[in-house]
Amino acid sequence: MFPGMNPRQMRQAMKKLGIKQQEISATEVIIRASGKNIVLRNPQILKINMGGQETYQISGDEEIEQDIKQEDIETVMEQTSCTKEQAIKALKKSNGDLAGAILYLK
């Protein structure tokens, strides 16, 4: 957090200021946004309590996953005569682009 300050000094300074930290163990964090999910793999999570207000600091390996709509899956299946699993795979490869998914399967 502060360059040149060792972790022990940092903890002591934070304790004096009334700031409490807690590490949280997790394998992934999913942030659901409109039209996509942000997935953080191998996250490092800190829960920080400062003045009664809790905040979370999260870092990790980021992946963006597009939401796939059922109607898009059905359209790809109809246009290409593929299975549901193949349609989902093609939509993921094309980042949800219908035309790209159909071309991928043809």
C-alpha atoms as a PDB file:
ATOM      1  CA  MET A   1       0.000   0.000   0.000  1.00  0.00           C
ATOM      2  CA  PHE A   2       2.733   2.455   0.983  1.00  0.00           C
ATOM      3  CA  PRO A   3       6.163   1.954  -0.581  1.00  0.00           C
ATOM      4  CA  GLY A   4       8.979   1.370   1.900  1.00  0.00           C
ATOM      5  CA  MET A   5       6.680   0.470   4.814  1.00  0.00           C
ATOM      6  CA  ASN A   6       6.927  -3.093   6.021  1.00  0.00           C
ATOM      7  CA  PRO A   7       3.707  -5.102   6.471  1.00  0.00           C
ATOM      8  CA  ARG A   8       3.994  -5.145  10.278  1.00  0.00           C
ATOM      9  CA  GLN A   9       4.213  -1.337  10.439  1.00  0.00           C
ATOM     10  CA  MET A  10       1.293  -1.122   8.034  1.00  0.00           C
ATOM     11  CA  ARG A  11      -0.895  -3.344  10.242  1.00  0.00           C
ATOM     12  CA  GLN A  12       0.000  -1.292  13.319  1.00  0.00           C
ATOM     13  CA  ALA A  13      -0.794   1.995  11.576  1.00  0.00           C
ATOM     14  CA  MET A  14      -4.119   0.641  10.318  1.00  0.00           C
ATOM     15  CA  LYS A  15      -4.995  -0.624  13.808  1.00  0.00           C
ATOM     16  CA  LYS A  16      -4.348   2.841  15.254  1.00  0.00           C
ATOM     17  CA  LEU A  17      -6.683   4.329  12.644  1.00  0.00           C
ATOM     18  CA  GLY A  18      -9.388   1.780  13.466  1.00  0.00           C
ATOM     19  CA  ILE A  19      -9.127   0.007  10.129  1.00  0.00           C
ATOM     20  CA  LYS A  20      -9.649  -3.755  10.231  1.00  0.00           C
ATOM     21  CA  GLN A  21      -8.739  -6.125   7.392  1.00  0.00           C
ATOM     22  CA  GLN A  22      -9.835  -9.689   6.811  1.00  0.00           C
ATOM     23  CA  GLU A  23      -8.696 -11.967   3.985  1.00  0.00           C
ATOM     24  CA  ILE A  24     -11.473 -13.967   2.346  1.00  0.00           C
ATOM     25  CA  SER A  25     -10.736 -17.252   0.598  1.00  0.00           C
ATOM     26  CA  ALA A  26     -12.497 -17.875  -2.740  1.00  0.00           C
ATOM     27  CA  THR A  27     -11.868 -19.650  -6.037  1.00  0.00           C
ATOM     28  CA  GLU A  28     -13.694 -17.132  -8.242  1.00  0.00           C
ATOM     29  CA  VAL A  29     -15.743 -13.947  -8.078  1.00  0.00           C
ATOM     30  CA  ILE A  30     -18.548 -13.246 -10.553  1.00  0.00           C
ATOM     31  CA  ILE A  31     -19.789  -9.712 -11.187  1.00  0.00           C
ATOM     32  CA  ARG A  32     -23.069  -9.789 -13.093  1.00  0.00           C
ATOM     33  CA  ALA A  33     -23.405  -6.760 -15.351  1.00  0.00           C
ATOM     34  CA  SER A  34     -25.917  -5.954 -18.056  1.00  0.00           C
ATOM     35  CA  GLY A  35     -25.288  -8.346 -20.943  1.00  0.00           C
ATOM     36  CA  LYS A  36     -22.090  -9.859 -19.541  1.00  0.00           C
ATOM     37  CA  ASN A  37     -20.422 -11.401 -16.523  1.00  0.00           C
ATOM     38  CA  ILE A  38     -17.000 -10.397 -15.281  1.00  0.00           C
ATOM     39  CA  VAL A  39     -15.318 -13.456 -13.787  1.00  0.00           C
ATOM     40  CA  LEU A  40     -12.225 -13.081 -11.605  1.00  0.00           C
ATOM     41  CA  ARG A  41     -10.332 -16.358 -11.235  1.00  0.00           C
ATOM     42  CA  ASN A  42      -7.822 -16.967  -8.403  1.00  0.00           C
ATOM     43  CA  PRO A  43      -8.983 -13.828  -6.573  1.00  0.00           C
ATOM     44  CA  GLN A  44      -7.290 -12.133  -3.664  1.00  0.00           C
ATOM     45  CA  ILE A  45     -10.059 -10.599  -1.557  1.00  0.00           C
ATOM     46  CA  LEU A  46      -9.695  -8.201   1.358  1.00  0.00           C
ATOM     47  CA  LYS A  47     -12.681  -7.144   3.447  1.00  0.00           C
ATOM     48  CA  ILE A  48     -11.901  -3.772   4.992  1.00  0.00           C
ATOM     49  CA  ASN A  49     -13.887  -2.254   7.855  1.00  0.00           C
ATOM     50  CA  MET A  50     -13.226   1.433   8.305  1.00  0.00           C
ATOM     51  CA  GLY A  51     -15.418   3.536  10.552  1.00  0.00           C
ATOM     52  CA  GLY A  52     -18.203   0.936  10.485  1.00  0.00           C
ATOM     53  CA  GLN A  53     -18.348   0.825   6.688  1.00  0.00           C
ATOM     54  CA  GLU A  54     -17.299  -2.394   4.988  1.00  0.00           C
ATOM     55  CA  THR A  55     -15.626  -2.414   1.572  1.00  0.00           C
ATOM     56  CA  TYR A  56     -14.077  -5.165  -0.493  1.00  0.00           C
ATOM     57  CA  GLN A  57     -10.859  -5.017  -2.479  1.00  0.00           C
ATOM     58  CA  ILE A  58     -10.714  -7.711  -5.151  1.00  0.00           C
ATOM     59  CA  SER A  59      -7.989  -8.562  -7.650  1.00  0.00           C
ATOM     60  CA  GLY A  60      -7.519 -11.594  -9.883  1.00  0.00           C
ATOM     61  CA  ASP A  61      -7.362 -12.947 -13.424  1.00  0.00           C
ATOM     62  CA  GLU A  62     -10.215 -11.324 -15.384  1.00  0.00           C
ATOM     63  CA  GLU A  63     -12.432 -13.023 -17.977  1.00  0.00           C
ATOM     64  CA  ILE A  64     -15.458 -11.498 -19.680  1.00  0.00           C
ATOM     65  CA  GLU A  65     -18.369 -13.846 -20.395  1.00  0.00           C
ATOM     66  CA  GLN A  66     -21.224 -12.683 -22.612  1.00  0.00           C
ATOM     67  CA  ASP A  67     -24.756 -13.639 -21.562  1.00  0.00           C
ATOM     68  CA  ILE A  68     -26.249 -16.086 -24.031  1.00  0.00           C
ATOM     69  CA  LYS A  69     -29.989 -15.787 -24.573  1.00  0.00           C
ATOM     70  CA  GLN A  70     -32.190 -18.836 -25.067  1.00  0.00           C
ATOM     71  CA  GLU A  71     -33.648 -17.328 -28.234  1.00  0.00           C
ATOM     72  CA  ASP A  72     -30.138 -16.958 -29.699  1.00  0.00           C
ATOM     73  CA  ILE A  73     -29.401 -20.611 -28.930  1.00  0.00           C
ATOM     74  CA  GLU A  74     -32.631 -21.653 -30.639  1.00  0.00           C
ATOM     75  CA  THR A  75     -31.912 -19.490 -33.706  1.00  0.00           C
ATOM     76  CA  VAL A  76     -28.444 -21.019 -34.143  1.00  0.00           C
ATOM     77  CA  MET A  77     -29.896 -24.530 -33.712  1.00  0.00           C
ATOM     78  CA  GLU A  78     -32.594 -23.858 -36.344  1.00  0.00           C
ATOM     79  CA  GLN A  79     -30.168 -22.340 -38.863  1.00  0.00           C
ATOM     80  CA  THR A  80     -27.478 -25.011 -38.546  1.00  0.00           C
ATOM     81  CA  SER A  81     -29.331 -28.145 -37.337  1.00  0.00           C
ATOM     82  CA  CYS A  82     -26.843 -28.473 -34.480  1.00  0.00           C
ATOM     83  CA  THR A  83     -27.285 -29.561 -30.872  1.00  0.00           C
ATOM     84  CA  LYS A  84     -27.887 -27.142 -28.016  1.00  0.00           C
ATOM     85  CA  GLU A  85     -24.346 -27.714 -26.701  1.00  0.00           C
ATOM     86  CA  GLN A  86     -22.835 -26.971 -30.123  1.00  0.00           C
ATOM     87  CA  ALA A  87     -24.910 -23.786 -30.407  1.00  0.00           C
ATOM     88  CA  ILE A  88     -23.784 -22.589 -26.969  1.00  0.00           C
ATOM     89  CA  LYS A  89     -20.138 -23.325 -27.788  1.00  0.00           C
ATOM     90  CA  ALA A  90     -20.388 -21.437 -31.099  1.00  0.00           C
ATOM     91  CA  LEU A  91     -22.080 -18.434 -29.428  1.00  0.00           C
ATOM     92  CA  LYS A  92     -19.370 -18.317 -26.759  1.00  0.00           C
ATOM     93  CA  LYS A  93     -16.631 -18.491 -29.426  1.00  0.00           C
ATOM     94  CA  SER A  94     -18.261 -15.625 -31.336  1.00  0.00           C
ATOM     95  CA  ASN A  95     -18.926 -13.538 -28.188  1.00  0.00           C
ATOM     96  CA  GLY A  96     -22.684 -13.810 -28.632  1.00  0.00           C
ATOM     97  CA  ASP A  97     -22.676 -12.815 -32.317  1.00  0.00           C
ATOM     98  CA  LEU A  98     -25.437 -14.804 -34.051  1.00  0.00           C
ATOM     99  CA  ALA A  99     -24.006 -14.537 -37.570  1.00  0.00           C
ATOM    100  CA  GLY A 100     -20.544 -15.465 -36.341  1.00  0.00           C
ATOM    101  CA  ALA A 101     -21.888 -18.503 -34.496  1.00  0.00           C
ATOM    102  CA  ILE A 102     -23.813 -19.693 -37.543  1.00  0.00           C
ATOM    103  CA  LEU A 103     -20.790 -19.253 -39.813  1.00  0.00           C
ATOM    104  CA  TYR A 104     -18.604 -21.057 -37.276  1.00  0.00           C
ATOM    105  CA  LEU A 105     -20.880 -24.100 -37.450  1.00  0.00           C
ATOM    106  CA  LYS A 106     -21.346 -24.169 -41.248  1.00  0.00           C
END
